[in-house]
Amino acid sequence: MIEDNKNTEKQCDIHVVSSSTDVKKKPIWTDYYLNKYKWYRKKRKCTWYKHEFTKEALELSITFVGTWWALYDNINRYSKVVDKEQW
């Protein structure tokens, strides 16, 4: 009985490690610096979302202007997705 429990734990650990090391879905440090280049987004072969700040974000600070590309979809009310690229 104890041996069966250990085998189950090992399988779960392997599953967690294998799913957490997926490089294509997890952002890496170059994503923050090179995401504005189309060639980079195409090379990474991910789904990219272009965000822009909403009026609510502009009420917080006047420096919140422009657009950016990210690997995440809508996450809060301060930005909205205006374009999507899937490679």
N, C-alpha and C. Protein backbone atom coordinates (compact mmCIF):
# COMPACT_ATOMS: atom_id res chain seq x y z
N MET A 1 0.82 -1.19 0.00
CA MET A 1 0.00 0.00 0.00
C MET A 1 0.87 1.25 0.00
N ILE A 2 1.90 1.28 0.78
CA ILE A 2 2.78 2.44 0.83
C ILE A 2 3.54 2.59 -0.49
N GLU A 3 3.93 1.48 -1.11
CA GLU A 3 4.65 1.53 -2.38
C GLU A 3 3.76 2.12 -3.47
N ASP A 4 2.47 1.78 -3.49
CA ASP A 4 1.55 2.33 -4.48
C ASP A 4 1.43 3.84 -4.33
N ASN A 5 1.40 4.30 -3.09
CA ASN A 5 1.30 5.72 -2.82
C ASN A 5 2.55 6.45 -3.32
N LYS A 6 3.73 5.86 -3.13
CA LYS A 6 4.97 6.48 -3.59
C LYS A 6 5.00 6.57 -5.11
N ASN A 7 4.52 5.53 -5.80
CA ASN A 7 4.50 5.56 -7.26
C ASN A 7 3.58 6.66 -7.77
N THR A 8 2.45 6.84 -7.11
CA THR A 8 1.52 7.88 -7.51
C THR A 8 2.15 9.26 -7.32
N GLU A 9 2.85 9.46 -6.22
CA GLU A 9 3.49 10.74 -5.96
C GLU A 9 4.56 11.04 -7.00
N LYS A 10 5.33 10.03 -7.37
CA LYS A 10 6.38 10.24 -8.36
C LYS A 10 5.78 10.62 -9.71
N GLN A 11 4.68 9.99 -10.10
CA GLN A 11 4.04 10.31 -11.37
C GLN A 11 3.53 11.75 -11.36
N CYS A 12 2.97 12.19 -10.25
CA CYS A 12 2.47 13.55 -10.16
C CYS A 12 3.61 14.55 -10.25
N ASP A 13 4.73 14.24 -9.59
CA ASP A 13 5.88 15.13 -9.65
C ASP A 13 6.40 15.27 -11.07
N ILE A 14 6.47 14.18 -11.78
CA ILE A 14 6.95 14.21 -13.15
C ILE A 14 6.00 15.03 -14.01
N HIS A 15 4.72 14.88 -13.81
CA HIS A 15 3.73 15.63 -14.59
C HIS A 15 3.86 17.13 -14.34
N VAL A 16 4.05 17.51 -13.09
CA VAL A 16 4.16 18.93 -12.76
C VAL A 16 5.41 19.52 -13.38
N VAL A 17 6.51 18.80 -13.31
CA VAL A 17 7.76 19.30 -13.87
C VAL A 17 7.65 19.42 -15.38
N SER A 18 7.08 18.42 -16.04
CA SER A 18 7.03 18.46 -17.49
C SER A 18 6.11 19.57 -17.99
N SER A 19 5.03 19.86 -17.27
CA SER A 19 4.13 20.91 -17.73
C SER A 19 4.66 22.30 -17.39
N SER A 20 5.47 22.41 -16.35
CA SER A 20 5.97 23.73 -15.97
C SER A 20 7.19 24.14 -16.78
N THR A 21 7.78 23.23 -17.53
CA THR A 21 8.96 23.58 -18.32
C THR A 21 8.61 23.82 -19.78
N ASP A 22 7.37 24.02 -20.09
CA ASP A 22 6.97 24.31 -21.46
C ASP A 22 7.43 25.71 -21.82
N VAL A 23 8.44 25.81 -22.65
CA VAL A 23 9.09 27.08 -22.95
C VAL A 23 8.22 27.96 -23.81
N LYS A 24 7.42 27.40 -24.68
CA LYS A 24 6.68 28.21 -25.63
C LYS A 24 5.52 28.97 -24.99
N LYS A 25 4.98 28.52 -23.89
CA LYS A 25 3.86 29.20 -23.28
C LYS A 25 4.29 30.07 -22.11
N LYS A 26 5.40 29.76 -21.51
CA LYS A 26 5.89 30.54 -20.39
C LYS A 26 6.74 31.68 -20.91
N PRO A 27 6.54 32.89 -20.43
CA PRO A 27 7.38 33.99 -20.91
C PRO A 27 8.83 33.83 -20.45
N ILE A 28 9.73 34.19 -21.33
CA ILE A 28 11.14 34.19 -20.99
C ILE A 28 11.63 35.63 -21.02
N TRP A 29 12.81 35.89 -20.56
CA TRP A 29 13.28 37.27 -20.39
C TRP A 29 13.33 38.01 -21.72
N THR A 30 13.58 37.33 -22.83
CA THR A 30 13.65 38.03 -24.12
C THR A 30 12.28 38.50 -24.59
N ASP A 31 11.22 37.89 -24.10
CA ASP A 31 9.87 38.32 -24.49
C ASP A 31 9.60 39.77 -24.11
N TYR A 32 10.16 40.21 -23.02
CA TYR A 32 9.91 41.57 -22.54
C TYR A 32 10.65 42.62 -23.36
N TYR A 33 11.75 42.22 -24.00
CA TYR A 33 12.55 43.17 -24.76
C TYR A 33 12.34 43.09 -26.27
N LEU A 34 12.00 41.91 -26.77
CA LEU A 34 11.91 41.72 -28.22
C LEU A 34 10.48 41.52 -28.72
N ASN A 35 9.47 41.64 -27.86
CA ASN A 35 8.10 41.38 -28.27
C ASN A 35 7.56 42.39 -29.27
N LYS A 36 8.20 43.52 -29.44
CA LYS A 36 7.72 44.52 -30.39
C LYS A 36 8.09 44.18 -31.84
N TYR A 37 8.98 43.21 -32.03
CA TYR A 37 9.42 42.82 -33.37
C TYR A 37 8.63 41.61 -33.87
N LYS A 38 8.08 41.76 -35.05
CA LYS A 38 7.26 40.68 -35.61
C LYS A 38 8.07 39.41 -35.85
N TRP A 39 9.32 39.55 -36.27
CA TRP A 39 10.16 38.38 -36.53
C TRP A 39 10.36 37.57 -35.26
N TYR A 40 10.44 38.24 -34.12
CA TYR A 40 10.62 37.52 -32.86
C TYR A 40 9.34 36.78 -32.47
N ARG A 41 8.20 37.47 -32.60
CA ARG A 41 6.93 36.82 -32.26
C ARG A 41 6.69 35.60 -33.15
N LYS A 42 7.06 35.70 -34.41
CA LYS A 42 6.90 34.59 -35.35
C LYS A 42 7.84 33.43 -34.99
N LYS A 43 9.06 33.77 -34.57
CA LYS A 43 10.03 32.74 -34.20
C LYS A 43 9.60 31.98 -32.96
N ARG A 44 8.97 32.67 -31.99
CA ARG A 44 8.54 32.03 -30.75
C ARG A 44 7.34 31.11 -30.95
N LYS A 45 6.57 31.31 -32.01
CA LYS A 45 5.43 30.46 -32.36
C LYS A 45 4.44 30.32 -31.21
N CYS A 46 3.99 31.44 -30.71
CA CYS A 46 3.00 31.48 -29.64
C CYS A 46 1.80 32.28 -30.10
N THR A 47 0.82 32.37 -29.24
CA THR A 47 -0.29 33.28 -29.47
C THR A 47 0.03 34.58 -28.75
N TRP A 48 0.13 35.66 -29.51
CA TRP A 48 0.48 36.96 -28.98
C TRP A 48 -0.74 37.87 -29.01
N TYR A 49 -0.90 38.68 -27.97
CA TYR A 49 -2.02 39.61 -27.86
C TYR A 49 -1.48 41.03 -27.77
N LYS A 50 -2.03 41.92 -28.60
CA LYS A 50 -1.63 43.32 -28.55
C LYS A 50 -2.59 44.06 -27.63
N HIS A 51 -2.04 44.69 -26.61
CA HIS A 51 -2.82 45.40 -25.60
C HIS A 51 -2.69 46.90 -25.79
N GLU A 52 -3.71 47.61 -25.34
CA GLU A 52 -3.62 49.06 -25.21
C GLU A 52 -4.31 49.46 -23.92
N PHE A 53 -3.85 50.57 -23.35
CA PHE A 53 -4.42 51.04 -22.09
C PHE A 53 -5.83 51.58 -22.30
N THR A 54 -6.66 51.43 -21.28
CA THR A 54 -8.03 51.95 -21.31
C THR A 54 -8.06 53.33 -20.65
N LYS A 55 -9.22 53.96 -20.69
CA LYS A 55 -9.38 55.28 -20.05
C LYS A 55 -9.19 55.20 -18.55
N GLU A 56 -9.56 54.07 -17.96
CA GLU A 56 -9.38 53.90 -16.51
C GLU A 56 -7.90 53.91 -16.13
N ALA A 57 -7.06 53.38 -17.00
CA ALA A 57 -5.62 53.40 -16.73
C ALA A 57 -5.08 54.82 -16.84
N LEU A 58 -5.63 55.58 -17.78
CA LEU A 58 -5.18 56.97 -17.94
C LEU A 58 -5.56 57.82 -16.73
N GLU A 59 -6.60 57.44 -16.01
CA GLU A 59 -6.96 58.16 -14.80
C GLU A 59 -5.94 57.93 -13.69
N LEU A 60 -5.25 56.79 -13.74
CA LEU A 60 -4.22 56.50 -12.73
C LEU A 60 -2.94 57.27 -13.00
N SER A 61 -2.55 57.33 -14.27
CA SER A 61 -1.31 58.03 -14.63
C SER A 61 -1.38 58.43 -16.09
N ILE A 62 -0.87 59.61 -16.39
CA ILE A 62 -0.90 60.08 -17.78
C ILE A 62 0.22 59.44 -18.61
N THR A 63 1.12 58.72 -17.96
CA THR A 63 2.20 58.06 -18.70
C THR A 63 1.78 56.71 -19.27
N PHE A 64 0.61 56.23 -18.92
CA PHE A 64 0.13 54.95 -19.44
C PHE A 64 -0.45 55.17 -20.83
N VAL A 65 0.38 55.17 -21.83
CA VAL A 65 -0.04 55.35 -23.22
C VAL A 65 0.65 54.32 -24.10
N GLY A 66 0.08 54.08 -25.27
CA GLY A 66 0.71 53.19 -26.22
C GLY A 66 0.18 51.78 -26.17
N THR A 67 0.83 50.93 -26.93
CA THR A 67 0.43 49.52 -27.02
C THR A 67 1.65 48.64 -26.75
N TRP A 68 1.38 47.38 -26.46
CA TRP A 68 2.45 46.40 -26.26
C TRP A 68 1.91 45.02 -26.57
N TRP A 69 2.82 44.11 -26.87
CA TRP A 69 2.48 42.72 -27.15
C TRP A 69 2.80 41.88 -25.92
N ALA A 70 1.93 40.91 -25.64
CA ALA A 70 2.13 40.02 -24.49
C ALA A 70 1.59 38.64 -24.80
N LEU A 71 1.95 37.68 -23.98
CA LEU A 71 1.48 36.31 -24.15
C LEU A 71 0.17 36.04 -23.43
N TYR A 72 -0.38 37.03 -22.75
CA TYR A 72 -1.61 36.84 -21.98
C TYR A 72 -2.75 37.64 -22.60
N ASP A 73 -3.95 37.18 -22.34
CA ASP A 73 -5.17 37.80 -22.84
C ASP A 73 -5.60 38.88 -21.84
N ASN A 74 -6.85 39.29 -21.88
CA ASN A 74 -7.36 40.29 -20.93
C ASN A 74 -7.18 39.80 -19.51
N ILE A 75 -6.55 40.64 -18.68
CA ILE A 75 -6.36 40.23 -17.29
C ILE A 75 -6.98 41.21 -16.31
N ASN A 76 -7.18 42.46 -16.72
CA ASN A 76 -7.81 43.42 -15.82
C ASN A 76 -8.47 44.52 -16.64
N ARG A 77 -9.01 45.51 -15.98
CA ARG A 77 -9.76 46.55 -16.68
C ARG A 77 -8.88 47.68 -17.19
N TYR A 78 -7.59 47.63 -16.95
CA TYR A 78 -6.70 48.70 -17.34
C TYR A 78 -6.09 48.52 -18.72
N SER A 79 -6.29 47.38 -19.33
CA SER A 79 -5.84 47.17 -20.70
C SER A 79 -6.86 46.30 -21.43
N LYS A 80 -6.90 46.47 -22.74
CA LYS A 80 -7.79 45.64 -23.56
C LYS A 80 -7.01 45.13 -24.75
N VAL A 81 -7.40 43.98 -25.24
CA VAL A 81 -6.75 43.37 -26.39
C VAL A 81 -7.33 43.98 -27.65
N VAL A 82 -6.45 44.46 -28.53
CA VAL A 82 -6.89 45.08 -29.78
C VAL A 82 -6.48 44.28 -31.00
N ASP A 83 -5.57 43.32 -30.83
CA ASP A 83 -5.12 42.51 -31.95
C ASP A 83 -4.59 41.19 -31.40
N LYS A 84 -4.56 40.17 -32.27
CA LYS A 84 -4.11 38.85 -31.87
C LYS A 84 -3.33 38.23 -33.02
N GLU A 85 -2.18 37.65 -32.72
CA GLU A 85 -1.38 36.92 -33.70
C GLU A 85 -1.16 35.51 -33.19
N GLN A 86 -1.38 34.55 -34.07
CA GLN A 86 -1.13 33.16 -33.68
C GLN A 86 -0.22 32.54 -34.71
N TRP A 87 0.92 32.08 -34.26
CA TRP A 87 1.91 31.49 -35.17
C TRP A 87 2.03 30.01 -34.93
